C-alpha atoms as a PDB file:
ATOM      1  CA  MET A   1      14.378   4.908  -1.299  1.00  0.00           C
ATOM      2  CA  LYS A   2      11.425   6.724   0.200  1.00  0.00           C
ATOM      3  CA  MET A   3       8.185   5.470   1.738  1.00  0.00           C
ATOM      4  CA  GLY A   4       4.605   6.532   1.058  1.00  0.00           C
ATOM      5  CA  ILE A   5       1.571   5.498   3.097  1.00  0.00           C
ATOM      6  CA  ILE A   6      -2.042   5.926   2.014  1.00  0.00           C
ATOM      7  CA  ALA A   7      -4.082   6.183   5.215  1.00  0.00           C
ATOM      8  CA  ALA A   8      -6.866   8.531   4.146  1.00  0.00           C
ATOM      9  CA  GLY A   9      -9.746   6.078   3.863  1.00  0.00           C
ATOM     10  CA  LYS A  10     -12.758   6.336   6.157  1.00  0.00           C
ATOM     11  CA  GLY A  11     -12.600   2.770   7.508  1.00  0.00           C
ATOM     12  CA  GLU A  12     -16.365   2.482   7.172  1.00  0.00           C
ATOM     13  CA  ARG A  13     -16.491  -1.316   7.307  1.00  0.00           C
ATOM     14  CA  LEU A  14     -14.593  -1.374  10.588  1.00  0.00           C
ATOM     15  CA  ALA A  15     -16.802   1.379  11.993  1.00  0.00           C
ATOM     16  CA  ARG A  16     -19.978  -0.462  11.005  1.00  0.00           C
ATOM     17  CA  GLY A  17     -18.635  -3.459  12.878  1.00  0.00           C
ATOM     18  CA  GLY A  18     -18.281  -1.488  16.085  1.00  0.00           C
ATOM     19  CA  ILE A  19     -14.611  -0.472  15.924  1.00  0.00           C
ATOM     20  CA  ALA A  20     -14.432   3.072  17.266  1.00  0.00           C
ATOM     21  CA  ALA A  21     -10.812   3.843  16.410  1.00  0.00           C
ATOM     22  CA  PRO A  22      -9.998   5.272  12.969  1.00  0.00           C
ATOM     23  CA  LYS A  23      -8.451   2.562  10.786  1.00  0.00           C
ATOM     24  CA  PRO A  24      -4.813   3.769  10.974  1.00  0.00           C
ATOM     25  CA  LEU A  25      -4.983   3.578  14.773  1.00  0.00           C
ATOM     26  CA  VAL A  26      -6.651   0.163  14.984  1.00  0.00           C
ATOM     27  CA  SER A  27      -4.401  -1.954  17.154  1.00  0.00           C
ATOM     28  CA  VAL A  28      -3.061  -5.260  15.852  1.00  0.00           C
ATOM     29  CA  GLY A  29      -0.729  -7.076  18.200  1.00  0.00           C
ATOM     30  CA  ALA A  30      -0.616  -4.046  20.522  1.00  0.00           C
ATOM     31  CA  ARG A  31       0.578  -1.707  17.757  1.00  0.00           C
ATOM     32  CA  PRO A  32      -1.527   0.621  15.576  1.00  0.00           C
ATOM     33  CA  LEU A  33      -1.625  -0.407  11.923  1.00  0.00           C
ATOM     34  CA  ILE A  34       0.134   2.747  10.802  1.00  0.00           C
ATOM     35  CA  ALA A  35       2.851   2.352  13.437  1.00  0.00           C
ATOM     36  CA  ARG A  36       3.683  -1.120  12.138  1.00  0.00           C
ATOM     37  CA  ILE A  37       4.257   0.257   8.656  1.00  0.00           C
ATOM     38  CA  ILE A  38       6.293   3.226   9.862  1.00  0.00           C
ATOM     39  CA  ASP A  39       8.411   0.847  11.953  1.00  0.00           C
ATOM     40  CA  ALA A  40       9.238  -1.008   8.740  1.00  0.00           C
ATOM     41  CA  GLY A  41      10.925   2.164   7.516  1.00  0.00           C
ATOM     42  CA  ALA A  42      13.722   1.564  10.001  1.00  0.00           C
ATOM     43  CA  HIS A  43      14.398  -1.904   8.616  1.00  0.00           C
ATOM     44  CA  ILE A  44      14.460  -1.028   4.913  1.00  0.00           C
ATOM     45  CA  PRO A  45      15.744   1.737   5.597  1.00  0.00           C
ATOM     46  CA  VAL A  46      14.061   4.731   3.935  1.00  0.00           C
ATOM     47  CA  SER A  47      15.274   8.316   3.603  1.00  0.00           C
ATOM     48  CA  SER A  48      11.860   9.856   4.314  1.00  0.00           C
ATOM     49  CA  ILE A  49       8.228   8.921   4.891  1.00  0.00           C
ATOM     50  CA  ALA A  50       5.179  10.658   3.395  1.00  0.00           C
ATOM     51  CA  VAL A  51       1.744   9.906   4.827  1.00  0.00           C
ATOM     52  CA  ILE A  52      -1.717  11.103   3.853  1.00  0.00           C
ATOM     53  CA  VAL A  53      -4.567  10.907   6.361  1.00  0.00           C
ATOM     54  CA  ASN A  54      -8.076  12.310   6.144  1.00  0.00           C
ATOM     55  CA  ASP A  55      -9.244  15.365   8.058  1.00  0.00           C
ATOM     56  CA  LEU A  56     -12.305  13.653   9.549  1.00  0.00           C
ATOM     57  CA  ASP A  57     -10.627  12.524  12.778  1.00  0.00           C
ATOM     58  CA  PRO A  58      -7.776  14.645  14.177  1.00  0.00           C
ATOM     59  CA  ALA A  59      -6.572  11.731  16.300  1.00  0.00           C
ATOM     60  CA  VAL A  60      -4.622  10.180  13.424  1.00  0.00           C
ATOM     61  CA  ALA A  61      -2.719  13.341  12.531  1.00  0.00           C
ATOM     62  CA  GLY A  62      -2.177  14.016  16.223  1.00  0.00           C
ATOM     63  CA  TYR A  63      -0.714  10.559  16.710  1.00  0.00           C
ATOM     64  CA  LEU A  64       1.664  10.934  13.776  1.00  0.00           C
ATOM     65  CA  ARG A  65       2.854  14.308  15.040  1.00  0.00           C
ATOM     66  CA  SER A  66       3.583  12.798  18.445  1.00  0.00           C
ATOM     67  CA  ILE A  67       5.664   9.772  17.498  1.00  0.00           C
ATOM     68  CA  ARG A  68       9.365   9.438  16.829  1.00  0.00           C
ATOM     69  CA  SER A  69       9.680   8.437  13.187  1.00  0.00           C
ATOM     70  CA  PRO A  70      12.694   6.452  11.908  1.00  0.00           C
ATOM     71  CA  ALA A  71      12.989   8.980   9.047  1.00  0.00           C
ATOM     72  CA  PRO A  72      11.747  12.531   8.399  1.00  0.00           C
ATOM     73  CA  LEU A  73       7.959  12.376   8.132  1.00  0.00           C
ATOM     74  CA  ASP A  74       5.880  14.551   5.803  1.00  0.00           C
ATOM     75  CA  LEU A  75       2.201  14.590   6.717  1.00  0.00           C
ATOM     76  CA  VAL A  76      -0.682  15.518   4.422  1.00  0.00           C
ATOM     77  CA  VAL A  77      -4.063  15.970   6.127  1.00  0.00           C
ATOM     78  CA  LYS A  78      -6.745  15.922   3.466  1.00  0.00           C
ATOM     79  CA  THR A  79      -9.894  13.986   2.661  1.00  0.00           C
ATOM     80  CA  THR A  80      -9.674  12.817  -0.948  1.00  0.00           C
ATOM     81  CA  PRO A  81     -12.253  11.229  -3.257  1.00  0.00           C
ATOM     82  CA  SER A  82     -10.113   8.170  -4.009  1.00  0.00           C
ATOM     83  CA  SER A  83      -6.945   6.247  -3.250  1.00  0.00           C
ATOM     84  CA  MET A  84      -5.557   7.467  -6.570  1.00  0.00           C
ATOM     85  CA  GLU A  85      -5.944  11.085  -5.529  1.00  0.00           C
ATOM     86  CA  SER A  86      -4.391  10.255  -2.165  1.00  0.00           C
ATOM     87  CA  LEU A  87      -1.318   8.961  -3.983  1.00  0.00           C
ATOM     88  CA  PHE A  88      -1.198  12.086  -6.119  1.00  0.00           C
ATOM     89  CA  CYS A  89      -1.215  14.241  -2.965  1.00  0.00           C
ATOM     90  CA  LEU A  90       2.001  12.496  -1.934  1.00  0.00           C
ATOM     91  CA  ALA A  91       3.713  13.172  -5.269  1.00  0.00           C
ATOM     92  CA  PRO A  92       5.564  16.342  -4.137  1.00  0.00           C
ATOM     93  CA  PHE A  93       7.329  14.282  -1.474  1.00  0.00           C
ATOM     94  CA  LEU A  94       8.052  11.195  -3.598  1.00  0.00           C
ATOM     95  CA  ASP A  95       8.957  12.609  -7.008  1.00  0.00           C
ATOM     96  CA  ASP A  96      12.748  12.504  -6.802  1.00  0.00           C
ATOM     97  CA  GLU A  97      13.641   8.863  -6.066  1.00  0.00           C
ATOM     98  CA  PRO A  98      12.100   5.384  -6.034  1.00  0.00           C
ATOM     99  CA  PHE A  99       9.643   4.679  -3.247  1.00  0.00           C
ATOM    100  CA  VAL A 100       7.738   1.872  -1.585  1.00  0.00           C
ATOM    101  CA  LEU A 101       4.012   2.527  -1.194  1.00  0.00           C
ATOM    102  CA  PHE A 102       1.700   0.958   1.378  1.00  0.00           C
ATOM    103  CA  THR A 103      -2.007   0.971   2.049  1.00  0.00           C
ATOM    104  CA  VAL A 104      -2.430   1.347   5.802  1.00  0.00           C
ATOM    105  CA  ASP A 105      -4.490  -1.809   6.290  1.00  0.00           C
ATOM    106  CA  VAL A 106      -1.856  -4.345   5.226  1.00  0.00           C
ATOM    107  CA  VAL A 107      -0.137  -6.571   7.797  1.00  0.00           C
ATOM    108  CA  PHE A 108       3.005  -8.380   6.654  1.00  0.00           C
ATOM    109  CA  ALA A 109       6.191 -10.046   7.842  1.00  0.00           C
ATOM    110  CA  GLN A 110       9.280  -7.840   7.842  1.00  0.00           C
ATOM    111  CA  GLN A 111      11.212 -10.503   5.929  1.00  0.00           C
ATOM    112  CA  THR A 112       8.481 -10.585   3.281  1.00  0.00           C
ATOM    113  CA  LEU A 113       8.911  -6.863   2.681  1.00  0.00           C
ATOM    114  CA  LYS A 114      12.694  -7.157   2.626  1.00  0.00           C
ATOM    115  CA  ASP A 115      12.587  -9.967   0.051  1.00  0.00           C
ATOM    116  CA  PHE A 116      10.087  -8.044  -2.084  1.00  0.00           C
ATOM    117  CA  LEU A 117      12.172  -4.881  -2.188  1.00  0.00           C
ATOM    118  CA  GLN A 118      15.314  -6.821  -3.026  1.00  0.00           C
ATOM    119  CA  ALA A 119      13.506  -8.399  -5.969  1.00  0.00           C
ATOM    120  CA  ALA A 120      11.848  -5.135  -7.028  1.00  0.00           C
ATOM    121  CA  GLU A 121      15.110  -3.200  -7.092  1.00  0.00           C
ATOM    122  CA  SER A 122      16.652  -5.868  -9.315  1.00  0.00           C
ATOM    123  CA  ILE A 123      13.999  -5.300 -12.025  1.00  0.00           C
ATOM    124  CA  LYS A 124      15.649  -2.249 -13.535  1.00  0.00           C
ATOM    125  CA  SER A 125      13.298  -1.629 -16.451  1.00  0.00           C
ATOM    126  CA  SER A 126       9.990  -1.513 -14.547  1.00  0.00           C
ATOM    127  CA  SER A 127       8.260   1.699 -13.523  1.00  0.00           C
ATOM    128  CA  GLY A 128       6.312  -0.219 -10.918  1.00  0.00           C
ATOM    129  CA  VAL A 129       6.526  -3.560  -9.147  1.00  0.00           C
ATOM    130  CA  LEU A 130       3.482  -4.949  -7.339  1.00  0.00           C
ATOM    131  CA  ALA A 131       3.716  -7.374  -4.431  1.00  0.00           C
ATOM    132  CA  LEU A 132       1.450 -10.322  -5.262  1.00  0.00           C
ATOM    133  CA  THR A 133       0.033 -12.997  -2.996  1.00  0.00           C
ATOM    134  CA  ARG A 134      -1.918 -16.222  -3.423  1.00  0.00           C
ATOM    135  CA  PHE A 135      -3.738 -15.558  -0.135  1.00  0.00           C
ATOM    136  CA  VAL A 136      -7.121 -14.244  -1.267  1.00  0.00           C
ATOM    137  CA  ASP A 137      -9.291 -12.970   1.586  1.00  0.00           C
ATOM    138  CA  ASP A 138     -10.535  -9.624   0.310  1.00  0.00           C
ATOM    139  CA  GLU A 139     -13.999  -8.442  -0.651  1.00  0.00           C
ATOM    140  CA  LYS A 140     -12.714  -6.891  -3.882  1.00  0.00           C
ATOM    141  CA  PRO A 141      -9.310  -8.409  -4.676  1.00  0.00           C
ATOM    142  CA  LEU A 142      -7.323  -7.030  -7.583  1.00  0.00           C
ATOM    143  CA  TRP A 143      -6.345 -10.031  -9.696  1.00  0.00           C
ATOM    144  CA  VAL A 144      -3.017  -9.804 -11.504  1.00  0.00           C
ATOM    145  CA  ALA A 145      -1.533 -12.076 -14.177  1.00  0.00           C
ATOM    146  CA  VAL A 146       2.192 -12.193 -14.926  1.00  0.00           C
ATOM    147  CA  ASP A 147       4.309 -13.919 -17.541  1.00  0.00           C
ATOM    148  CA  GLY A 148       7.474 -15.962 -17.025  1.00  0.00           C
ATOM    149  CA  SER A 149       9.584 -12.839 -16.588  1.00  0.00           C
ATOM    150  CA  ASN A 150       7.201 -11.364 -13.977  1.00  0.00           C
ATOM    151  CA  ARG A 151       5.841  -8.777 -16.383  1.00  0.00           C
ATOM    152  CA  ILE A 152       2.189  -7.954 -15.679  1.00  0.00           C
ATOM    153  CA  THR A 153       0.041  -9.034 -18.605  1.00  0.00           C
ATOM    154  CA  ALA A 154      -3.455  -8.428 -17.212  1.00  0.00           C
ATOM    155  CA  MET A 155      -5.256  -6.955 -14.215  1.00  0.00           C
ATOM    156  CA  GLY A 156      -8.764  -7.081 -12.795  1.00  0.00           C
ATOM    157  CA  ASP A 157     -11.425  -9.193 -14.494  1.00  0.00           C
ATOM    158  CA  ALA A 158      -9.047 -10.020 -17.346  1.00  0.00           C
ATOM    159  CA  ALA A 159      -6.732 -11.732 -14.839  1.00  0.00           C
ATOM    160  CA  ARG A 160      -9.297 -13.811 -12.936  1.00  0.00           C
ATOM    161  CA  GLY A 161      -7.643 -17.031 -14.039  1.00  0.00           C
ATOM    162  CA  SER A 162      -4.469 -16.018 -12.223  1.00  0.00           C
ATOM    163  CA  PRO A 163      -3.719 -17.245  -8.689  1.00  0.00           C
ATOM    164  CA  PHE A 164      -2.357 -13.831  -7.685  1.00  0.00           C
ATOM    165  CA  VAL A 165      -3.883 -10.700  -6.148  1.00  0.00           C
ATOM    166  CA  THR A 166      -2.186  -7.526  -4.986  1.00  0.00           C
ATOM    167  CA  ALA A 167      -0.722  -7.787  -1.491  1.00  0.00           C
ATOM    168  CA  GLY A 168      -0.923  -4.149  -0.355  1.00  0.00           C
ATOM    169  CA  PHE A 169       2.528  -2.743  -1.060  1.00  0.00           C
ATOM    170  CA  TYR A 170       4.244  -1.537  -4.202  1.00  0.00           C
ATOM    171  CA  TYR A 171       7.572  -0.237  -5.504  1.00  0.00           C
ATOM    172  CA  PHE A 172       7.506   2.676  -7.940  1.00  0.00           C
ATOM    173  CA  THR A 173       9.836   5.011  -9.749  1.00  0.00           C
ATOM    174  CA  PRO A 174       8.803   8.686  -9.740  1.00  0.00           C
ATOM    175  CA  GLU A 175       8.082   8.693 -13.470  1.00  0.00           C
ATOM    176  CA  ILE A 176       4.602   7.341 -12.741  1.00  0.00           C
ATOM    177  CA  PHE A 177       3.654  10.846 -11.633  1.00  0.00           C
ATOM    178  CA  ASN A 178       4.031  12.008 -15.231  1.00  0.00           C
ATOM    179  CA  GLU A 179       0.612  10.404 -15.753  1.00  0.00           C
ATOM    180  CA  ILE A 180      -1.312  12.374 -13.123  1.00  0.00           C
ATOM    181  CA  GLU A 181      -3.123  14.694 -15.508  1.00  0.00           C
ATOM    182  CA  ALA A 182      -3.812  11.959 -18.059  1.00  0.00           C
ATOM    183  CA  ALA A 183      -5.318   9.769 -15.343  1.00  0.00           C
ATOM    184  CA  ARG A 184      -7.524  12.619 -14.175  1.00  0.00           C
ATOM    185  CA  ARG A 185      -8.724  13.262 -17.699  1.00  0.00           C
ATOM    186  CA  ARG A 186      -9.883   9.653 -17.808  1.00  0.00           C
ATOM    187  CA  ASN A 187     -11.862  10.225 -14.589  1.00  0.00           C
ATOM    188  CA  LEU A 188     -10.200   7.284 -12.871  1.00  0.00           C
ATOM    189  CA  ASN A 189     -11.226   6.929  -9.262  1.00  0.00           C
ATOM    190  CA  ALA A 190      -9.010   4.355  -7.570  1.00  0.00           C
ATOM    191  CA  LEU A 191      -5.395   3.289  -7.261  1.00  0.00           C
ATOM    192  CA  ARG A 192      -6.182   0.094  -9.166  1.00  0.00           C
ATOM    193  CA  GLY A 193      -7.519   2.199 -12.032  1.00  0.00           C
ATOM    194  CA  PHE A 194      -4.289   4.173 -12.097  1.00  0.00           C
ATOM    195  CA  LEU A 195      -2.251   0.969 -12.206  1.00  0.00           C
ATOM    196  CA  GLY A 196      -4.257  -0.154 -15.217  1.00  0.00           C
ATOM    197  CA  HIS A 197      -3.740   3.246 -16.817  1.00  0.00           C
ATOM    198  CA  LEU A 198       0.027   2.902 -16.452  1.00  0.00           C
ATOM    199  CA  ILE A 199      -0.064  -0.435 -18.266  1.00  0.00           C
ATOM    200  CA  ASP A 200      -2.362   0.963 -20.966  1.00  0.00           C
ATOM    201  CA  SER A 201       0.057   3.868 -21.423  1.00  0.00           C
ATOM    202  CA  GLY A 202       3.017   1.595 -22.109  1.00  0.00           C
ATOM    203  CA  TYR A 203       4.742   1.602 -18.735  1.00  0.00           C
ATOM    204  CA  LEU A 204       6.408  -1.681 -17.866  1.00  0.00           C
ATOM    205  CA  MET A 205       4.836  -3.040 -14.699  1.00  0.00           C
ATOM    206  CA  SER A 206       6.004  -6.185 -12.948  1.00  0.00           C
ATOM    207  CA  GLY A 207       4.682  -8.425 -10.202  1.00  0.00           C
ATOM    208  CA  VAL A 208       6.638 -10.292  -7.550  1.00  0.00           C
ATOM    209  CA  PRO A 209       4.996 -13.122  -5.563  1.00  0.00           C
ATOM    210  CA  VAL A 210       5.370 -12.724  -1.804  1.00  0.00           C
ATOM    211  CA  SER A 211       4.335 -14.679   1.262  1.00  0.00           C
ATOM    212  CA  LYS A 212       1.001 -14.236   2.989  1.00  0.00           C
ATOM    213  CA  THR A 213      -0.248 -10.777   3.933  1.00  0.00           C
ATOM    214  CA  VAL A 214      -3.487  -9.836   5.702  1.00  0.00           C
ATOM    215  CA  ASP A 215      -5.734  -6.845   4.961  1.00  0.00           C
ATOM    216  CA  VAL A 216      -7.648  -5.406   7.904  1.00  0.00           C
ATOM    217  CA  ASP A 217     -10.995  -4.289   6.474  1.00  0.00           C
ATOM    218  CA  TYR A 218     -13.487  -5.819   8.929  1.00  0.00           C
ATOM    219  CA  PRO A 219     -13.442  -6.387  12.709  1.00  0.00           C
ATOM    220  CA  GLU A 220     -12.858 -10.114  12.237  1.00  0.00           C
ATOM    221  CA  ASP A 221      -9.728  -9.321  10.224  1.00  0.00           C
ATOM    222  CA  ILE A 222      -8.075  -7.989  13.383  1.00  0.00           C
ATOM    223  CA  GLU A 223      -8.140 -11.462  14.913  1.00  0.00           C
ATOM    224  CA  LYS A 224      -6.851 -12.971  11.658  1.00  0.00           C
ATOM    225  CA  ALA A 225      -3.989 -10.469  11.553  1.00  0.00           C
ATOM    226  CA  GLU A 226      -3.031 -11.094  15.170  1.00  0.00           C
ATOM    227  CA  ALA A 227      -3.045 -14.856  14.614  1.00  0.00           C
ATOM    228  CA  PHE A 228      -0.864 -14.330  11.546  1.00  0.00           C
ATOM    229  CA  LEU A 229       1.646 -12.248  13.533  1.00  0.00           C
ATOM    230  CA  LYS A 230       1.863 -14.996  16.144  1.00  0.00           C
ATOM    231  CA  GLU A 231       2.515 -17.549  13.398  1.00  0.00           C
ATOM    232  CA  ILE A 232       5.500 -15.548  12.161  1.00  0.00           C
ATOM    233  CA  ASN A 233       6.685 -14.566  15.664  1.00  0.00           C
ATOM    234  CA  GLU A 234       6.100 -10.852  15.105  1.00  0.00           C
ATOM    235  CA  ALA A 235       3.204 -10.348  17.534  1.00  0.00           C
END
């Protein structure tokens, strides 16, 4: 299994709130957000890690080049128009075996990730498995509905009656990259749009409920994330 990390966003909401550090380097519990995710690669373990960061602040790329990674690290430095395009930039590094994908702003318990991946790997027929949580504290949550066999039946507005939203990490098989050009032709502009495209195109997508996760989008989320880490003894 490989790991992909999307860390190319601008972190504008944090910056507007007075946080000077670029989002991947925002410290939560004395560790940068991106370091916490990379550390998880040692526990899974993963065979390699692919990360995309933007080219607006060289500090992030410089940090990643300076650390000791638990697996070979491939770094893409590019500002992209969307999270979907950021994922597509990682395709050359993730197209030969299943991978776990993270957005850089998610904070989670290591056991939560371990349990999710164990469940995801057991769903042999799915091209993608989304971690789902009942903890909704996001400005624009992506609602997801599943049936009794964990198959995703609806996403977005069509799933608003569901208690679940995406939790910030995903398990995919490389076949999803077969849809890159089709997704671009549809002018999709976000990872959530690409997920919907996969379902529309007949790919089997599943969802697995997980414990609480915290997204760090605003300055006040840092305090929430640190309190969460103390609760689970991972501060």
